[in-house]
N, C-alpha and C. Protein backbone atom coordinates (compact mmCIF):
# COMPACT_ATOMS: atom_id res chain seq x y z
N MET A 1 -56.09 139.07 5.17
CA MET A 1 -55.41 139.78 4.11
C MET A 1 -55.26 138.85 2.90
N THR A 2 -55.59 139.35 1.76
CA THR A 2 -55.37 138.59 0.53
C THR A 2 -54.26 139.27 -0.27
N PHE A 3 -53.91 138.66 -1.37
CA PHE A 3 -52.87 139.24 -2.21
C PHE A 3 -53.28 140.67 -2.59
N PRO A 4 -52.39 141.64 -2.42
CA PRO A 4 -52.77 143.04 -2.66
C PRO A 4 -53.07 143.32 -4.14
N ALA A 5 -54.11 144.11 -4.36
CA ALA A 5 -54.51 144.47 -5.71
C ALA A 5 -53.56 145.51 -6.31
N GLU A 6 -52.91 146.28 -5.45
CA GLU A 6 -51.98 147.31 -5.92
C GLU A 6 -50.77 147.32 -5.00
N ILE A 7 -49.60 147.45 -5.59
CA ILE A 7 -48.34 147.48 -4.84
C ILE A 7 -47.58 148.73 -5.26
N ARG A 8 -47.06 149.45 -4.27
CA ARG A 8 -46.22 150.62 -4.57
C ARG A 8 -44.77 150.26 -4.29
N ALA A 9 -43.90 150.60 -5.21
CA ALA A 9 -42.47 150.35 -5.05
C ALA A 9 -41.99 151.02 -3.77
N GLY A 10 -41.18 150.29 -3.01
CA GLY A 10 -40.62 150.82 -1.79
C GLY A 10 -41.43 150.53 -0.54
N ASP A 11 -42.62 149.94 -0.69
CA ASP A 11 -43.44 149.60 0.47
C ASP A 11 -43.13 148.19 0.96
N LEU A 12 -43.34 147.97 2.25
CA LEU A 12 -43.33 146.62 2.81
C LEU A 12 -44.69 146.01 2.46
N ILE A 13 -44.69 144.86 1.80
CA ILE A 13 -45.93 144.23 1.37
C ILE A 13 -46.09 142.92 2.13
N GLN A 14 -47.26 142.75 2.75
CA GLN A 14 -47.54 141.53 3.50
C GLN A 14 -48.96 141.07 3.20
N TRP A 15 -49.15 139.75 3.16
CA TRP A 15 -50.48 139.18 3.00
C TRP A 15 -50.49 137.77 3.54
N ARG A 16 -51.70 137.25 3.72
CA ARG A 16 -51.87 135.89 4.22
C ARG A 16 -52.78 135.11 3.30
N LEU A 17 -52.59 133.81 3.34
CA LEU A 17 -53.39 132.88 2.55
C LEU A 17 -53.87 131.80 3.50
N ALA A 18 -55.17 131.60 3.55
CA ALA A 18 -55.74 130.58 4.44
C ALA A 18 -55.45 129.18 3.89
N ALA A 19 -55.47 128.20 4.78
CA ALA A 19 -55.35 126.81 4.35
C ALA A 19 -56.50 126.52 3.38
N THR A 20 -56.28 125.59 2.48
CA THR A 20 -57.27 125.28 1.45
C THR A 20 -57.27 123.79 1.16
N GLN A 21 -57.93 123.40 0.09
CA GLN A 21 -57.97 122.00 -0.33
C GLN A 21 -57.64 121.91 -1.81
N ASP A 22 -57.08 120.76 -2.20
CA ASP A 22 -56.88 120.53 -3.63
C ASP A 22 -58.19 120.03 -4.25
N VAL A 23 -58.18 119.75 -5.53
CA VAL A 23 -59.40 119.34 -6.24
C VAL A 23 -59.95 118.00 -5.75
N PHE A 24 -59.15 117.24 -5.01
CA PHE A 24 -59.59 115.95 -4.48
C PHE A 24 -60.06 116.05 -3.03
N GLY A 25 -60.03 117.26 -2.46
CA GLY A 25 -60.47 117.45 -1.08
C GLY A 25 -59.38 117.27 -0.04
N ASN A 26 -58.14 117.09 -0.47
CA ASN A 26 -57.01 116.95 0.45
C ASN A 26 -56.59 118.32 0.98
N SER A 27 -56.26 118.37 2.25
CA SER A 27 -55.87 119.62 2.89
C SER A 27 -54.52 120.11 2.38
N ILE A 28 -54.46 121.40 2.11
CA ILE A 28 -53.19 122.08 1.81
C ILE A 28 -53.02 123.11 2.92
N SER A 29 -52.20 122.76 3.91
CA SER A 29 -52.03 123.63 5.07
C SER A 29 -50.60 123.52 5.58
N SER A 30 -50.19 124.53 6.34
CA SER A 30 -48.86 124.48 6.95
C SER A 30 -48.97 123.66 8.22
N PRO A 31 -47.94 123.04 8.69
CA PRO A 31 -46.57 123.11 8.21
C PRO A 31 -46.22 122.05 7.17
N ASP A 32 -47.17 121.18 6.79
CA ASP A 32 -46.87 120.12 5.82
C ASP A 32 -46.61 120.66 4.42
N TRP A 33 -47.21 121.78 4.11
CA TRP A 33 -47.08 122.38 2.78
C TRP A 33 -46.39 123.73 2.88
N SER A 34 -45.81 124.18 1.77
CA SER A 34 -45.32 125.55 1.65
C SER A 34 -45.87 126.11 0.34
N VAL A 35 -45.94 127.43 0.26
CA VAL A 35 -46.45 128.10 -0.94
C VAL A 35 -45.41 129.11 -1.38
N ILE A 36 -45.17 129.16 -2.68
CA ILE A 36 -44.25 130.13 -3.26
C ILE A 36 -45.02 130.96 -4.28
N TYR A 37 -44.91 132.28 -4.18
CA TYR A 37 -45.48 133.19 -5.18
C TYR A 37 -44.35 133.62 -6.11
N TYR A 38 -44.62 133.56 -7.40
CA TYR A 38 -43.69 134.07 -8.42
C TYR A 38 -44.35 135.30 -9.03
N LEU A 39 -43.70 136.46 -8.92
CA LEU A 39 -44.21 137.71 -9.46
C LEU A 39 -43.35 138.13 -10.65
N ARG A 40 -44.01 138.51 -11.73
CA ARG A 40 -43.29 138.95 -12.93
C ARG A 40 -44.02 140.13 -13.55
N THR A 41 -43.27 140.96 -14.27
CA THR A 41 -43.85 142.11 -14.96
C THR A 41 -43.70 141.94 -16.46
N ASN A 42 -44.52 142.66 -17.20
CA ASN A 42 -44.42 142.60 -18.66
C ASN A 42 -43.56 143.73 -19.22
N THR A 43 -42.91 144.51 -18.33
CA THR A 43 -42.11 145.64 -18.80
C THR A 43 -40.61 145.38 -18.78
N GLY A 44 -40.19 144.21 -18.39
CA GLY A 44 -38.77 143.93 -18.36
C GLY A 44 -38.48 142.68 -17.55
N PRO A 45 -37.23 142.40 -17.35
CA PRO A 45 -36.84 141.17 -16.67
C PRO A 45 -36.85 141.27 -15.14
N ILE A 46 -37.80 142.02 -14.60
CA ILE A 46 -37.88 142.21 -13.16
C ILE A 46 -38.93 141.27 -12.58
N GLY A 47 -38.64 140.71 -11.43
CA GLY A 47 -39.60 139.84 -10.77
C GLY A 47 -39.18 139.60 -9.34
N ALA A 48 -39.96 138.77 -8.67
CA ALA A 48 -39.66 138.43 -7.28
C ALA A 48 -40.21 137.05 -6.99
N THR A 49 -39.55 136.36 -6.10
CA THR A 49 -40.01 135.07 -5.60
C THR A 49 -40.27 135.25 -4.11
N VAL A 50 -41.47 134.89 -3.66
CA VAL A 50 -41.86 135.13 -2.28
C VAL A 50 -42.23 133.79 -1.64
N ASN A 51 -41.46 133.38 -0.64
CA ASN A 51 -41.70 132.12 0.07
C ASN A 51 -42.63 132.36 1.25
N SER A 52 -43.39 131.33 1.59
CA SER A 52 -44.32 131.43 2.71
C SER A 52 -43.65 131.10 4.03
N SER A 53 -44.27 131.58 5.09
CA SER A 53 -43.98 131.11 6.43
C SER A 53 -45.32 130.67 7.02
N ALA A 54 -45.29 129.79 8.00
CA ALA A 54 -46.53 129.27 8.57
C ALA A 54 -47.23 130.36 9.38
N PHE A 55 -48.55 130.42 9.24
CA PHE A 55 -49.39 131.29 10.05
C PHE A 55 -50.64 130.50 10.41
N ASN A 56 -50.73 130.08 11.68
CA ASN A 56 -51.76 129.12 12.10
C ASN A 56 -51.66 127.91 11.18
N ASP A 57 -52.75 127.54 10.49
CA ASP A 57 -52.65 126.42 9.54
C ASP A 57 -52.55 126.93 8.10
N GLY A 58 -52.41 128.25 7.94
CA GLY A 58 -52.28 128.86 6.62
C GLY A 58 -50.86 129.35 6.38
N PHE A 59 -50.75 130.40 5.57
CA PHE A 59 -49.45 130.86 5.11
C PHE A 59 -49.38 132.38 5.18
N GLN A 60 -48.20 132.89 5.44
CA GLN A 60 -47.96 134.33 5.49
C GLN A 60 -46.81 134.67 4.56
N PHE A 61 -46.90 135.85 3.93
CA PHE A 61 -45.91 136.28 2.94
C PHE A 61 -45.49 137.71 3.23
N SER A 62 -44.25 138.01 2.86
CA SER A 62 -43.73 139.36 3.07
C SER A 62 -42.71 139.69 1.98
N ILE A 63 -42.83 140.89 1.43
CA ILE A 63 -41.85 141.42 0.49
C ILE A 63 -41.25 142.65 1.15
N ALA A 64 -39.96 142.62 1.41
CA ALA A 64 -39.28 143.73 2.07
C ALA A 64 -39.30 144.98 1.20
N SER A 65 -39.25 146.13 1.83
CA SER A 65 -39.30 147.39 1.08
C SER A 65 -38.10 147.55 0.15
N ASN A 66 -36.93 147.03 0.54
CA ASN A 66 -35.77 147.15 -0.36
C ASN A 66 -35.94 146.27 -1.60
N VAL A 67 -36.73 145.21 -1.53
CA VAL A 67 -37.02 144.39 -2.70
C VAL A 67 -38.06 145.07 -3.57
N SER A 68 -39.15 145.55 -2.97
CA SER A 68 -40.20 146.20 -3.77
C SER A 68 -39.73 147.51 -4.39
N SER A 69 -38.69 148.12 -3.84
CA SER A 69 -38.18 149.37 -4.41
C SER A 69 -37.62 149.17 -5.82
N THR A 70 -37.33 147.93 -6.19
CA THR A 70 -36.82 147.66 -7.54
C THR A 70 -37.95 147.37 -8.53
N PHE A 71 -39.19 147.32 -8.06
CA PHE A 71 -40.32 146.99 -8.93
C PHE A 71 -40.59 148.13 -9.92
N ALA A 72 -40.75 147.76 -11.18
CA ALA A 72 -41.06 148.73 -12.23
C ALA A 72 -42.57 148.97 -12.29
N GLU A 73 -42.94 150.17 -12.70
CA GLU A 73 -44.35 150.49 -12.87
C GLU A 73 -44.90 149.69 -14.04
N GLY A 74 -46.14 149.28 -13.93
CA GLY A 74 -46.78 148.54 -15.01
C GLY A 74 -47.60 147.38 -14.49
N ASN A 75 -48.03 146.55 -15.39
CA ASN A 75 -48.82 145.38 -15.03
C ASN A 75 -47.91 144.24 -14.57
N TRP A 76 -48.31 143.62 -13.49
CA TRP A 76 -47.58 142.49 -12.94
C TRP A 76 -48.50 141.28 -12.91
N PHE A 77 -47.90 140.12 -12.94
CA PHE A 77 -48.64 138.87 -12.92
C PHE A 77 -48.03 137.98 -11.85
N TYR A 78 -48.84 137.10 -11.27
CA TYR A 78 -48.29 136.20 -10.27
C TYR A 78 -48.85 134.80 -10.44
N GLN A 79 -48.11 133.86 -9.92
CA GLN A 79 -48.54 132.47 -9.86
C GLN A 79 -48.13 131.94 -8.50
N ALA A 80 -49.06 131.27 -7.83
CA ALA A 80 -48.77 130.67 -6.53
C ALA A 80 -48.71 129.16 -6.70
N ILE A 81 -47.68 128.55 -6.14
CA ILE A 81 -47.48 127.11 -6.25
C ILE A 81 -47.31 126.54 -4.85
N ALA A 82 -48.11 125.50 -4.54
CA ALA A 82 -48.01 124.82 -3.26
C ALA A 82 -47.19 123.56 -3.43
N ASN A 83 -46.28 123.31 -2.49
CA ASN A 83 -45.40 122.14 -2.52
C ASN A 83 -45.49 121.40 -1.19
N LYS A 84 -45.54 120.09 -1.26
CA LYS A 84 -45.51 119.29 -0.04
C LYS A 84 -44.19 118.55 0.00
N SER A 85 -43.30 119.03 0.83
CA SER A 85 -41.96 118.43 0.96
C SER A 85 -41.30 118.16 -0.40
N GLY A 86 -41.58 119.00 -1.39
CA GLY A 86 -40.98 118.87 -2.72
C GLY A 86 -41.51 117.70 -3.52
N ALA A 87 -42.47 116.94 -2.96
CA ALA A 87 -42.95 115.73 -3.63
C ALA A 87 -44.30 115.90 -4.31
N GLU A 88 -45.11 116.86 -3.87
CA GLU A 88 -46.43 117.05 -4.45
C GLU A 88 -46.62 118.49 -4.86
């Protein structure tokens, strides 16, 4: 599962991200790393922060239906940030 191309308000949204490498070839995998997705819309001050949980050596994400029910219709943007114990 990759990040969903379309999200409907009120749905439970789940996806997974496989372990990867940085530009230097270093592994970015769980449990040493965590990934946070920041979701924002261009229609108002609505957004969400989605933290990862470990799934094998990759990452799993979930947005509860009560959180997505507050999502406004329109274009949304996201940024994923990987952190290693807050130091990298």
